């Protein structure tokens, strides 16, 4: 098969996804990056500013709340939806009904 044998239908029969690459920027990746920046850097900056203004304890609460909120958002948006359950068939014997073995007596 040479270049002249390839038609337009062959070239377009398998569409390529541009968003499949690791380094390509999609909306989900951009949202995760924003949540991480706000959760880590944003809460850290707010904690420092509050600490410099004399509200050290409030700064600590804001930092812990921002960090915990970031973890919750990442879990709720991405990690919770993943199917990370192992094979079920491997553990079926734990919940299976007992099976009585019947021995046949040879006559």
PDB file of N, CA and C in Angstrom:
ATOM      1  N   UNK A   1       0.857  -1.171   0.000  1.00  0.00           N
ATOM      2  CA  UNK A   1       0.000   0.000   0.000  1.00  0.00           C
ATOM      3  C   UNK A   1       0.900   1.229   0.000  1.00  0.00           C
ATOM      4  N   UNK A   2       0.708   2.070  -0.995  1.00  0.00           N
ATOM      5  CA  UNK A   2       1.525   3.282  -1.068  1.00  0.00           C
ATOM      6  C   UNK A   2       0.658   4.512  -0.809  1.00  0.00           C
ATOM      7  N   UNK A   3       1.244   5.693  -0.839  1.00  0.00           N
ATOM      8  CA  UNK A   3       0.549   6.934  -0.523  1.00  0.00           C
ATOM      9  C   UNK A   3      -0.650   7.175  -1.430  1.00  0.00           C
ATOM     10  N   UNK A   4      -0.597   6.770  -2.676  1.00  0.00           N
ATOM     11  CA  UNK A   4      -1.702   7.031  -3.596  1.00  0.00           C
ATOM     12  C   UNK A   4      -2.920   6.161  -3.300  1.00  0.00           C
ATOM     13  N   UNK A   5      -2.742   5.048  -2.574  1.00  0.00           N
ATOM     14  CA  UNK A   5      -3.855   4.168  -2.240  1.00  0.00           C
ATOM     15  C   UNK A   5      -4.691   4.676  -1.061  1.00  0.00           C
ATOM     16  N   UNK A   6      -4.171   5.610  -0.295  1.00  0.00           N
ATOM     17  CA  UNK A   6      -4.888   6.114   0.866  1.00  0.00           C
ATOM     18  C   UNK A   6      -5.895   7.166   0.411  1.00  0.00           C
ATOM     19  N   UNK A   7      -7.148   6.954   0.786  1.00  0.00           N
ATOM     20  CA  UNK A   7      -8.192   7.910   0.423  1.00  0.00           C
ATOM     21  C   UNK A   7      -8.502   8.806   1.610  1.00  0.00           C
ATOM     22  N   UNK A   8      -9.381   9.772   1.397  1.00  0.00           N
ATOM     23  CA  UNK A   8      -9.788  10.668   2.477  1.00  0.00           C
ATOM     24  C   UNK A   8     -10.537   9.913   3.565  1.00  0.00           C
ATOM     25  N   UNK A   9     -11.289   8.884   3.173  1.00  0.00           N
ATOM     26  CA  UNK A   9     -12.028   8.103   4.160  1.00  0.00           C
ATOM     27  C   UNK A   9     -11.073   7.368   5.095  1.00  0.00           C
ATOM     28  N   UNK A  10      -9.965   6.830   4.537  1.00  0.00           N
ATOM     29  CA  UNK A  10      -8.992   6.130   5.371  1.00  0.00           C
ATOM     30  C   UNK A  10      -8.316   7.086   6.343  1.00  0.00           C
ATOM     31  N   UNK A  11      -8.046   8.280   5.898  1.00  0.00           N
ATOM     32  CA  UNK A  11      -7.347   9.241   6.746  1.00  0.00           C
ATOM     33  C   UNK A  11      -8.239   9.742   7.882  1.00  0.00           C
ATOM     34  N   UNK A  12      -9.540   9.776   7.658  1.00  0.00           N
ATOM     35  CA  UNK A  12     -10.437  10.305   8.691  1.00  0.00           C
ATOM     36  C   UNK A  12     -11.191   9.206   9.440  1.00  0.00           C
ATOM     37  N   UNK A  13     -10.890   7.939   9.155  1.00  0.00           N
ATOM     38  CA  UNK A  13     -11.651   6.872   9.789  1.00  0.00           C
ATOM     39  C   UNK A  13     -11.328   6.733  11.271  1.00  0.00           C
ATOM     40  N   UNK A  14     -10.145   7.100  11.703  1.00  0.00           N
ATOM     41  CA  UNK A  14      -9.774   7.014  13.106  1.00  0.00           C
ATOM     42  C   UNK A  14      -9.466   8.410  13.631  1.00  0.00           C
ATOM     43  N   UNK A  15     -10.442   9.053  14.255  1.00  0.00           N
ATOM     44  CA  UNK A  15     -10.184  10.398  14.760  1.00  0.00           C
ATOM     45  C   UNK A  15      -9.213  10.359  15.933  1.00  0.00           C
ATOM     46  N   UNK A  16      -8.345  11.329  15.977  1.00  0.00           N
ATOM     47  CA  UNK A  16      -7.370  11.406  17.055  1.00  0.00           C
ATOM     48  C   UNK A  16      -7.810  12.462  18.046  1.00  0.00           C
ATOM     49  N   UNK A  17      -7.736  12.099  19.284  1.00  0.00           N
ATOM     50  CA  UNK A  17      -8.115  13.016  20.359  1.00  0.00           C
ATOM     51  C   UNK A  17      -6.883  13.830  20.739  1.00  0.00           C
ATOM     52  N   UNK A  18      -7.002  15.147  20.714  1.00  0.00           N
ATOM     53  CA  UNK A  18      -5.893  16.007  21.092  1.00  0.00           C
ATOM     54  C   UNK A  18      -5.742  16.091  22.604  1.00  0.00           C
ATOM     55  N   UNK A  19      -6.798  15.787  23.339  1.00  0.00           N
ATOM     56  CA  UNK A  19      -6.757  15.934  24.786  1.00  0.00           C
ATOM     57  C   UNK A  19      -6.261  14.681  25.494  1.00  0.00           C
ATOM     58  N   UNK A  20      -5.792  13.685  24.775  1.00  0.00           N
ATOM     59  CA  UNK A  20      -5.354  12.452  25.397  1.00  0.00           C
ATOM     60  C   UNK A  20      -3.956  12.544  25.976  1.00  0.00           C
ATOM     61  N   UNK A  21      -3.145  13.471  25.511  1.00  0.00           N
ATOM     62  CA  UNK A  21      -1.770  13.551  25.958  1.00  0.00           C
ATOM     63  C   UNK A  21      -1.648  14.018  27.396  1.00  0.00           C
ATOM     64  N   UNK A  22      -0.535  13.654  28.008  1.00  0.00           N
ATOM     65  CA  UNK A  22      -0.304  14.012  29.396  1.00  0.00           C
ATOM     66  C   UNK A  22      -0.039  15.499  29.552  1.00  0.00           C
ATOM     67  N   UNK A  23       0.638  16.095  28.598  1.00  0.00           N
ATOM     68  CA  UNK A  23       1.027  17.500  28.719  1.00  0.00           C
ATOM     69  C   UNK A  23       0.044  18.468  28.071  1.00  0.00           C
ATOM     70  N   UNK A  24      -1.004  17.961  27.442  1.00  0.00           N
ATOM     71  CA  UNK A  24      -1.994  18.866  26.870  1.00  0.00           C
ATOM     72  C   UNK A  24      -2.888  19.399  27.977  1.00  0.00           C
ATOM     73  N   UNK A  25      -3.275  20.646  27.855  1.00  0.00           N
ATOM     74  CA  UNK A  25      -4.051  21.313  28.894  1.00  0.00           C
ATOM     75  C   UNK A  25      -5.530  21.236  28.559  1.00  0.00           C
ATOM     76  N   UNK A  26      -6.285  20.551  29.395  1.00  0.00           N
ATOM     77  CA  UNK A  26      -7.726  20.455  29.217  1.00  0.00           C
ATOM     78  C   UNK A  26      -8.400  21.222  30.349  1.00  0.00           C
ATOM     79  N   UNK A  27      -9.709  21.318  30.296  1.00  0.00           N
ATOM     80  CA  UNK A  27     -10.441  22.031  31.346  1.00  0.00           C
ATOM     81  C   UNK A  27     -10.300  21.350  32.695  1.00  0.00           C
ATOM     82  N   UNK A  28     -10.343  20.025  32.705  1.00  0.00           N
ATOM     83  CA  UNK A  28     -10.208  19.296  33.965  1.00  0.00           C
ATOM     84  C   UNK A  28      -8.831  19.528  34.589  1.00  0.00           C
ATOM     85  N   UNK A  29      -7.785  19.461  33.766  1.00  0.00           N
ATOM     86  CA  UNK A  29      -6.438  19.674  34.291  1.00  0.00           C
ATOM     87  C   UNK A  29      -6.248  21.103  34.775  1.00  0.00           C
ATOM     88  N   UNK A  30      -6.823  22.056  34.071  1.00  0.00           N
ATOM     89  CA  UNK A  30      -6.734  23.452  34.487  1.00  0.00           C
ATOM     90  C   UNK A  30      -7.482  23.673  35.805  1.00  0.00           C
ATOM     91  N   UNK A  31      -8.641  23.052  35.941  1.00  0.00           N
ATOM     92  CA  UNK A  31      -9.408  23.174  37.178  1.00  0.00           C
ATOM     93  C   UNK A  31      -8.669  22.540  38.355  1.00  0.00           C
ATOM     94  N   UNK A  32      -8.047  21.391  38.147  1.00  0.00           N
ATOM     95  CA  UNK A  32      -7.263  20.754  39.210  1.00  0.00           C
ATOM     96  C   UNK A  32      -6.092  21.646  39.601  1.00  0.00           C
ATOM     97  N   UNK A  33      -5.415  22.233  38.608  1.00  0.00           N
ATOM     98  CA  UNK A  33      -4.292  23.129  38.910  1.00  0.00           C
ATOM     99  C   UNK A  33      -4.756  24.343  39.703  1.00  0.00           C
ATOM    100  N   UNK A  34      -5.894  24.917  39.346  1.00  0.00           N
ATOM    101  CA  UNK A  34      -6.425  26.072  40.089  1.00  0.00           C
ATOM    102  C   UNK A  34      -6.802  25.688  41.514  1.00  0.00           C
ATOM    103  N   UNK A  35      -7.445  24.544  41.685  1.00  0.00           N
ATOM    104  CA  UNK A  35      -7.820  24.093  43.029  1.00  0.00           C
ATOM    105  C   UNK A  35      -6.576  23.854  43.879  1.00  0.00           C
ATOM    106  N   UNK A  36      -5.541  23.264  43.287  1.00  0.00           N
ATOM    107  CA  UNK A  36      -4.305  23.039  44.025  1.00  0.00           C
ATOM    108  C   UNK A  36      -3.624  24.354  44.400  1.00  0.00           C
ATOM    109  N   UNK A  37      -3.559  25.301  43.463  1.00  0.00           N
ATOM    110  CA  UNK A  37      -2.926  26.595  43.753  1.00  0.00           C
ATOM    111  C   UNK A  37      -3.681  27.362  44.827  1.00  0.00           C
ATOM    112  N   UNK A  38      -4.985  27.408  44.711  1.00  0.00           N
ATOM    113  CA  UNK A  38      -5.776  28.133  45.702  1.00  0.00           C
ATOM    114  C   UNK A  38      -5.741  27.407  47.047  1.00  0.00           C
ATOM    115  N   UNK A  39      -5.820  26.087  47.017  1.00  0.00           N
ATOM    116  CA  UNK A  39      -5.835  25.327  48.260  1.00  0.00           C
ATOM    117  C   UNK A  39      -4.531  25.388  49.025  1.00  0.00           C
ATOM    118  N   UNK A  40      -3.403  25.355  48.313  1.00  0.00           N
ATOM    119  CA  UNK A  40      -2.112  25.359  48.988  1.00  0.00           C
ATOM    120  C   UNK A  40      -1.582  26.784  49.142  1.00  0.00           C
ATOM    121  N   UNK A  41      -1.363  27.454  48.016  1.00  0.00           N
ATOM    122  CA  UNK A  41      -0.765  28.794  48.073  1.00  0.00           C
ATOM    123  C   UNK A  41      -1.742  29.825  48.625  1.00  0.00           C
ATOM    124  N   UNK A  42      -2.990  29.767  48.192  1.00  0.00           N
ATOM    125  CA  UNK A  42      -3.968  30.757  48.637  1.00  0.00           C
ATOM    126  C   UNK A  42      -4.216  30.701  50.127  1.00  0.00           C
ATOM    127  N   UNK A  43      -4.375  29.499  50.651  1.00  0.00           N
ATOM    128  CA  UNK A  43      -4.602  29.394  52.093  1.00  0.00           C
ATOM    129  C   UNK A  43      -3.334  29.727  52.873  1.00  0.00           C
ATOM    130  N   UNK A  44      -2.163  29.429  52.317  1.00  0.00           N
ATOM    131  CA  UNK A  44      -0.910  29.793  52.976  1.00  0.00           C
ATOM    132  C   UNK A  44      -0.696  31.295  53.020  1.00  0.00           C
ATOM    133  N   UNK A  45      -1.013  31.976  51.923  1.00  0.00           N
ATOM    134  CA  UNK A  45      -0.890  33.438  51.889  1.00  0.00           C
ATOM    135  C   UNK A  45      -1.885  34.078  52.847  1.00  0.00           C
ATOM    136  N   UNK A  46      -3.112  33.567  52.867  1.00  0.00           N
ATOM    137  CA  UNK A  46      -4.124  34.108  53.784  1.00  0.00           C
ATOM    138  C   UNK A  46      -3.711  33.876  55.229  1.00  0.00           C
ATOM    139  N   UNK A  47      -3.113  32.749  55.526  1.00  0.00           N
ATOM    140  CA  UNK A  47      -2.645  32.459  56.878  1.00  0.00           C
ATOM    141  C   UNK A  47      -1.544  33.424  57.289  1.00  0.00           C
ATOM    142  N   UNK A  48      -0.599  33.702  56.385  1.00  0.00           N
ATOM    143  CA  UNK A  48       0.490  34.627  56.708  1.00  0.00           C
ATOM    144  C   UNK A  48      -0.016  36.044  56.915  1.00  0.00           C
ATOM    145  N   UNK A  49      -0.909  36.497  56.051  1.00  0.00           N
ATOM    146  CA  UNK A  49      -1.459  37.850  56.184  1.00  0.00           C
ATOM    147  C   UNK A  49      -2.216  37.984  57.500  1.00  0.00           C
ATOM    148  N   UNK A  50      -3.041  37.009  57.819  1.00  0.00           N
ATOM    149  CA  UNK A  50      -3.780  37.060  59.085  1.00  0.00           C
ATOM    150  C   UNK A  50      -2.831  36.992  60.284  1.00  0.00           C
ATOM    151  N   UNK A  51      -1.756  36.219  60.164  1.00  0.00           N
ATOM    152  CA  UNK A  51      -0.781  36.149  61.239  1.00  0.00           C
ATOM    153  C   UNK A  51      -0.063  37.472  61.449  1.00  0.00           C
ATOM    154  N   UNK A  52       0.275  38.171  60.354  1.00  0.00           N
ATOM    155  CA  UNK A  52       0.932  39.469  60.463  1.00  0.00           C
ATOM    156  C   UNK A  52       0.002  40.543  61.011  1.00  0.00           C
ATOM    157  N   UNK A  53      -1.291  40.372  60.793  1.00  0.00           N
ATOM    158  CA  UNK A  53      -2.254  41.338  61.328  1.00  0.00           C
ATOM    159  C   UNK A  53      -2.607  41.049  62.786  1.00  0.00           C
ATOM    160  N   UNK A  54      -2.046  39.987  63.338  1.00  0.00           N
ATOM    161  CA  UNK A  54      -2.299  39.663  64.730  1.00  0.00           C
ATOM    162  C   UNK A  54      -3.365  38.612  64.952  1.00  0.00           C
ATOM    163  N   UNK A  55      -3.876  38.036  63.905  1.00  0.00           N
ATOM    164  CA  UNK A  55      -4.919  36.999  64.005  1.00  0.00           C
ATOM    165  C   UNK A  55      -4.305  35.627  63.715  1.00  0.00           C
ATOM    166  N   UNK A  56      -3.343  35.239  64.541  1.00  0.00           N
ATOM    167  CA  UNK A  56      -2.610  33.998  64.308  1.00  0.00           C
ATOM    168  C   UNK A  56      -3.533  32.780  64.340  1.00  0.00           C
ATOM    169  N   UNK A  57      -4.377  32.696  65.339  1.00  0.00           N
ATOM    170  CA  UNK A  57      -5.264  31.529  65.462  1.00  0.00           C
ATOM    171  C   UNK A  57      -6.264  31.454  64.309  1.00  0.00           C
ATOM    172  N   UNK A  58      -6.785  32.598  63.895  1.00  0.00           N
ATOM    173  CA  UNK A  58      -7.694  32.620  62.747  1.00  0.00           C
ATOM    174  C   UNK A  58      -6.957  32.205  61.474  1.00  0.00           C
ATOM    175  N   UNK A  59      -5.697  32.616  61.357  1.00  0.00           N
ATOM    176  CA  UNK A  59      -4.879  32.216  60.208  1.00  0.00           C
ATOM    177  C   UNK A  59      -4.683  30.718  60.136  1.00  0.00           C
ATOM    178  N   UNK A  60      -4.481  30.110  61.291  1.00  0.00           N
ATOM    179  CA  UNK A  60      -4.320  28.653  61.336  1.00  0.00           C
ATOM    180  C   UNK A  60      -5.613  27.970  60.916  1.00  0.00           C
ATOM    181  N   UNK A  61      -6.737  28.473  61.396  1.00  0.00           N
ATOM    182  CA  UNK A  61      -8.040  27.896  61.028  1.00  0.00           C
ATOM    183  C   UNK A  61      -8.300  28.052  59.535  1.00  0.00           C
ATOM    184  N   UNK A  62      -7.962  29.220  58.981  1.00  0.00           N
ATOM    185  CA  UNK A  62      -8.145  29.453  57.548  1.00  0.00           C
ATOM    186  C   UNK A  62      -7.257  28.513  56.735  1.00  0.00           C
ATOM    187  N   UNK A  63      -6.022  28.323  57.190  1.00  0.00           N
ATOM    188  CA  UNK A  63      -5.103  27.437  56.472  1.00  0.00           C
ATOM    189  C   UNK A  63      -5.607  25.994  56.489  1.00  0.00           C
ATOM    190  N   UNK A  64      -6.003  25.531  57.653  1.00  0.00           N
ATOM    191  CA  UNK A  64      -6.499  24.148  57.760  1.00  0.00           C
ATOM    192  C   UNK A  64      -7.791  23.983  56.953  1.00  0.00           C
ATOM    193  N   UNK A  65      -8.675  24.960  57.036  1.00  0.00           N
ATOM    194  CA  UNK A  65      -9.920  24.888  56.262  1.00  0.00           C
ATOM    195  C   UNK A  65      -9.682  24.928  54.762  1.00  0.00           C
ATOM    196  N   UNK A  66      -8.748  25.759  54.313  1.00  0.00           N
ATOM    197  CA  UNK A  66      -8.436  25.823  52.880  1.00  0.00           C
ATOM    198  C   UNK A  66      -7.807  24.543  52.365  1.00  0.00           C
ATOM    199  N   UNK A  67      -6.896  23.992  53.158  1.00  0.00           N
ATOM    200  CA  UNK A  67      -6.238  22.752  52.753  1.00  0.00           C
ATOM    201  C   UNK A  67      -7.228  21.589  52.759  1.00  0.00           C
ATOM    202  N   UNK A  68      -8.052  21.509  53.810  1.00  0.00           N
ATOM    203  CA  UNK A  68      -9.048  20.435  53.884  1.00  0.00           C
ATOM    204  C   UNK A  68     -10.101  20.593  52.792  1.00  0.00           C
ATOM    205  N   UNK A  69     -10.487  21.828  52.497  1.00  0.00           N
ATOM    206  CA  UNK A  69     -11.444  22.065  51.414  1.00  0.00           C
ATOM    207  C   UNK A  69     -10.898  21.654  50.067  1.00  0.00           C
ATOM    208  N   UNK A  70      -9.597  21.912  49.847  1.00  0.00           N
ATOM    209  CA  UNK A  70      -8.957  21.493  48.601  1.00  0.00           C
ATOM    210  C   UNK A  70      -8.966  19.976  48.478  1.00  0.00           C
ATOM    211  N   UNK A  71      -8.624  19.286  49.545  1.00  0.00           N
ATOM    212  CA  UNK A  71      -8.615  17.822  49.513  1.00  0.00           C
ATOM    213  C   UNK A  71     -10.018  17.284  49.260  1.00  0.00           C
ATOM    214  N   UNK A  72     -11.019  17.877  49.916  1.00  0.00           N
ATOM    215  CA  UNK A  72     -12.395  17.432  49.709  1.00  0.00           C
ATOM    216  C   UNK A  72     -12.835  17.657  48.264  1.00  0.00           C
ATOM    217  N   UNK A  73     -12.525  18.821  47.697  1.00  0.00           N
ATOM    218  CA  UNK A  73     -12.924  19.095  46.311  1.00  0.00           C
ATOM    219  C   UNK A  73     -12.257  18.136  45.332  1.00  0.00           C
ATOM    220  N   UNK A  74     -10.977  17.856  45.548  1.00  0.00           N
ATOM    221  CA  UNK A  74     -10.301  16.904  44.666  1.00  0.00           C
ATOM    222  C   UNK A  74     -10.897  15.511  44.810  1.00  0.00           C
ATOM    223  N   UNK A  75     -11.200  15.107  46.039  1.00  0.00           N
ATOM    224  CA  UNK A  75     -11.816  13.799  46.243  1.00  0.00           C
ATOM    225  C   UNK A  75     -13.204  13.751  45.600  1.00  0.00           C
ATOM    226  N   UNK A  76     -14.016  14.777  45.857  1.00  0.00           N
ATOM    227  CA  UNK A  76     -15.387  14.778  45.368  1.00  0.00           C
ATOM    228  C   UNK A  76     -15.450  14.860  43.840  1.00  0.00           C
ATOM    229  N   UNK A  77     -14.565  15.635  43.241  1.00  0.00           N
ATOM    230  CA  UNK A  77     -14.621  15.838  41.798  1.00  0.00           C
ATOM    231  C   UNK A  77     -13.967  14.758  40.968  1.00  0.00           C
ATOM    232  N   UNK A  78     -12.892  14.146  41.476  1.00  0.00           N
ATOM    233  CA  UNK A  78     -12.141  13.225  40.641  1.00  0.00           C
ATOM    234  C   UNK A  78     -11.938  11.857  41.273  1.00  0.00           C
ATOM    235  N   UNK A  79     -11.494  11.805  42.502  1.00  0.00           N
ATOM    236  CA  UNK A  79     -11.130  10.521  43.098  1.00  0.00           C
ATOM    237  C   UNK A  79     -12.362   9.680  43.410  1.00  0.00           C
ATOM    238  N   UNK A  80     -13.441  10.305  43.865  1.00  0.00           N
ATOM    239  CA  UNK A  80     -14.660   9.567  44.235  1.00  0.00           C
ATOM    240  C   UNK A  80     -15.249   8.818  43.045  1.00  0.00           C
ATOM    241  N   UNK A  81     -15.110   9.369  41.862  1.00  0.00           N
ATOM    242  CA  UNK A  81     -15.720   8.759  40.678  1.00  0.00           C
ATOM    243  C   UNK A  81     -14.899   7.612  40.094  1.00  0.00           C
ATOM    244  N   UNK A  82     -13.675   7.419  40.569  1.00  0.00           N
ATOM    245  CA  UNK A  82     -12.844   6.340  40.047  1.00  0.00           C
ATOM    246  C   UNK A  82     -13.319   4.996  40.573  1.00  0.00           C
ATOM    247  N   UNK A  83     -13.260   4.008  39.725  1.00  0.00           N
ATOM    248  CA  UNK A  83     -13.600   2.653  40.131  1.00  0.00           C
ATOM    249  C   UNK A  83     -12.305   1.957  40.518  1.00  0.00           C
ATOM    250  N   UNK A  84     -11.997   1.974  41.809  1.00  0.00           N
ATOM    251  CA  UNK A  84     -10.742   1.387  42.272  1.00  0.00           C
ATOM    252  C   UNK A  84     -10.985   0.098  43.035  1.00  0.00           C
ATOM    253  N   UNK A  85     -12.106  -0.537  42.778  1.00  0.00           N
ATOM    254  CA  UNK A  85     -12.458  -1.779  43.427  1.00  0.00           C
ATOM    255  C   UNK A  85     -11.799  -2.931  42.688  1.00  0.00           C
ATOM    256  N   UNK A  86     -11.306  -3.867  43.424  1.00  0.00           N
ATOM    257  CA  UNK A  86     -10.664  -5.032  42.844  1.00  0.00           C
ATOM    258  C   UNK A  86     -11.673  -6.014  42.290  1.00  0.00           C
ATOM    259  N   UNK A  87     -11.201  -7.132  41.820  1.00  0.00           N
ATOM    260  CA  UNK A  87     -12.106  -8.141  41.276  1.00  0.00           C
ATOM    261  C   UNK A  87     -12.991  -8.732  42.369  1.00  0.00           C
ATOM    262  N   UNK A  88     -14.272  -8.785  42.087  1.00  0.00           N
ATOM    263  CA  UNK A  88     -15.251  -9.282  43.060  1.00  0.00           C
ATOM    264  C   UNK A  88     -15.216 -10.806  43.142  1.00  0.00           C
ATOM    265  N   UNK A  89     -15.024 -11.450  42.036  1.00  0.00           N
ATOM    266  CA  UNK A  89     -15.106 -12.910  41.990  1.00  0.00           C
ATOM    267  C   UNK A  89     -14.100 -13.562  42.928  1.00  0.00           C
ATOM    268  N   UNK A  90     -13.036 -12.877  43.212  1.00  0.00           N
ATOM    269  CA  UNK A  90     -12.008 -13.427  44.067  1.00  0.00           C
ATOM    270  C   UNK A  90     -12.496 -13.587  45.505  1.00  0.00           C
ATOM    271  N   UNK A  91     -13.416 -12.727  45.935  1.00  0.00           N
ATOM    272  CA  UNK A  91     -13.877 -12.741  47.314  1.00  0.00           C
ATOM    273  C   UNK A  91     -15.304 -13.267  47.450  1.00  0.00           C
ATOM    274  N   UNK A  92     -15.870 -13.837  46.415  1.00  0.00           N
ATOM    275  CA  UNK A  92     -17.239 -14.348  46.481  1.00  0.00           C
ATOM    276  C   UNK A  92     -17.403 -15.457  47.509  1.00  0.00           C
ATOM    277  N   UNK A  93     -16.375 -16.189  47.800  1.00  0.00           N
ATOM    278  CA  UNK A  93     -16.496 -17.308  48.724  1.00  0.00           C
ATOM    279  C   UNK A  93     -16.826 -16.834  50.140  1.00  0.00           C
ATOM    280  N   UNK A  94     -16.551 -15.578  50.461  1.00  0.00           N
ATOM    281  CA  UNK A  94     -16.862 -15.091  51.804  1.00  0.00           C
ATOM    282  C   UNK A  94     -18.359 -14.959  52.033  1.00  0.00           C
ATOM    283  N   UNK A  95     -19.088 -14.604  50.998  1.00  0.00           N
ATOM    284  CA  UNK A  95     -20.519 -14.347  51.137  1.00  0.00           C
ATOM    285  C   UNK A  95     -21.393 -15.401  50.466  1.00  0.00           C
ATOM    286  N   UNK A  96     -20.789 -16.410  49.912  1.00  0.00           N
ATOM    287  CA  UNK A  96     -21.546 -17.429  49.185  1.00  0.00           C
ATOM    288  C   UNK A  96     -22.273 -18.348  50.154  1.00  0.00           C
ATOM    289  N   UNK A  97     -23.360 -18.880  49.680  1.00  0.00           N
ATOM    290  CA  UNK A  97     -24.115 -19.869  50.460  1.00  0.00           C
ATOM    291  C   UNK A  97     -23.282 -21.143  50.549  1.00  0.00           C
ATOM    292  N   UNK A  98     -23.343 -21.811  51.676  1.00  0.00           N
ATOM    293  CA  UNK A  98     -22.585 -23.059  51.781  1.00  0.00           C
ATOM    294  C   UNK A  98     -23.119 -24.106  50.805  1.00  0.00           C
ATOM    295  N   UNK A  99     -22.216 -24.778  50.189  1.00  0.00           N
ATOM    296  CA  UNK A  99     -22.585 -25.805  49.220  1.00  0.00           C
ATOM    297  C   UNK A  99     -22.299 -27.165  49.847  1.00  0.00           C
ATOM    298  N   UNK A 100     -23.312 -28.015  49.845  1.00  0.00           N
ATOM    299  CA  UNK A 100     -23.133 -29.368  50.372  1.00  0.00           C
ATOM    300  C   UNK A 100     -22.586 -30.259  49.270  1.00  0.00           C
ATOM    301  N   UNK A 101     -21.497 -30.894  49.605  1.00  0.00           N
ATOM    302  CA  UNK A 101     -20.892 -31.795  48.628  1.00  0.00           C
ATOM    303  C   UNK A 101     -21.552 -33.167  48.750  1.00  0.00           C
ATOM    304  N   UNK A 102     -21.973 -33.702  47.653  1.00  0.00           N
ATOM    305  CA  UNK A 102     -22.605 -35.023  47.642  1.00  0.00           C
ATOM    306  C   UNK A 102     -21.636 -36.013  47.026  1.00  0.00           C
ATOM    307  N   UNK A 103     -21.309 -36.984  47.805  1.00  0.00           N
ATOM    308  CA  UNK A 103     -20.399 -38.006  47.302  1.00  0.00           C
ATOM    309  C   UNK A 103     -21.221 -39.131  46.674  1.00  0.00           C
ATOM    310  N   UNK A 104     -20.824 -39.509  45.539  1.00  0.00           N
ATOM    311  CA  UNK A 104     -21.482 -40.642  44.895  1.00  0.00           C
ATOM    312  C   UNK A 104     -20.760 -41.918  45.281  1.00  0.00           C
ATOM    313  N   UNK A 105     -21.548 -42.824  45.680  1.00  0.00           N
ATOM    314  CA  UNK A 105     -20.983 -44.114  46.055  1.00  0.00           C
ATOM    315  C   UNK A 105     -20.999 -44.993  44.811  1.00  0.00           C
ATOM    316  N   UNK A 106     -19.857 -45.465  44.494  1.00  0.00           N
ATOM    317  CA  UNK A 106     -19.813 -46.326  43.310  1.00  0.00           C
ATOM    318  C   UNK A 106     -20.423 -47.679  43.649  1.00  0.00           C
ATOM    319  N   UNK A 107     -21.248 -48.165  42.783  1.00  0.00           N
ATOM    320  CA  UNK A 107     -21.974 -49.417  43.031  1.00  0.00           C
ATOM    321  C   UNK A 107     -21.294 -50.586  42.396  1.00  0.00           C
TER     322      UNK A 107
END
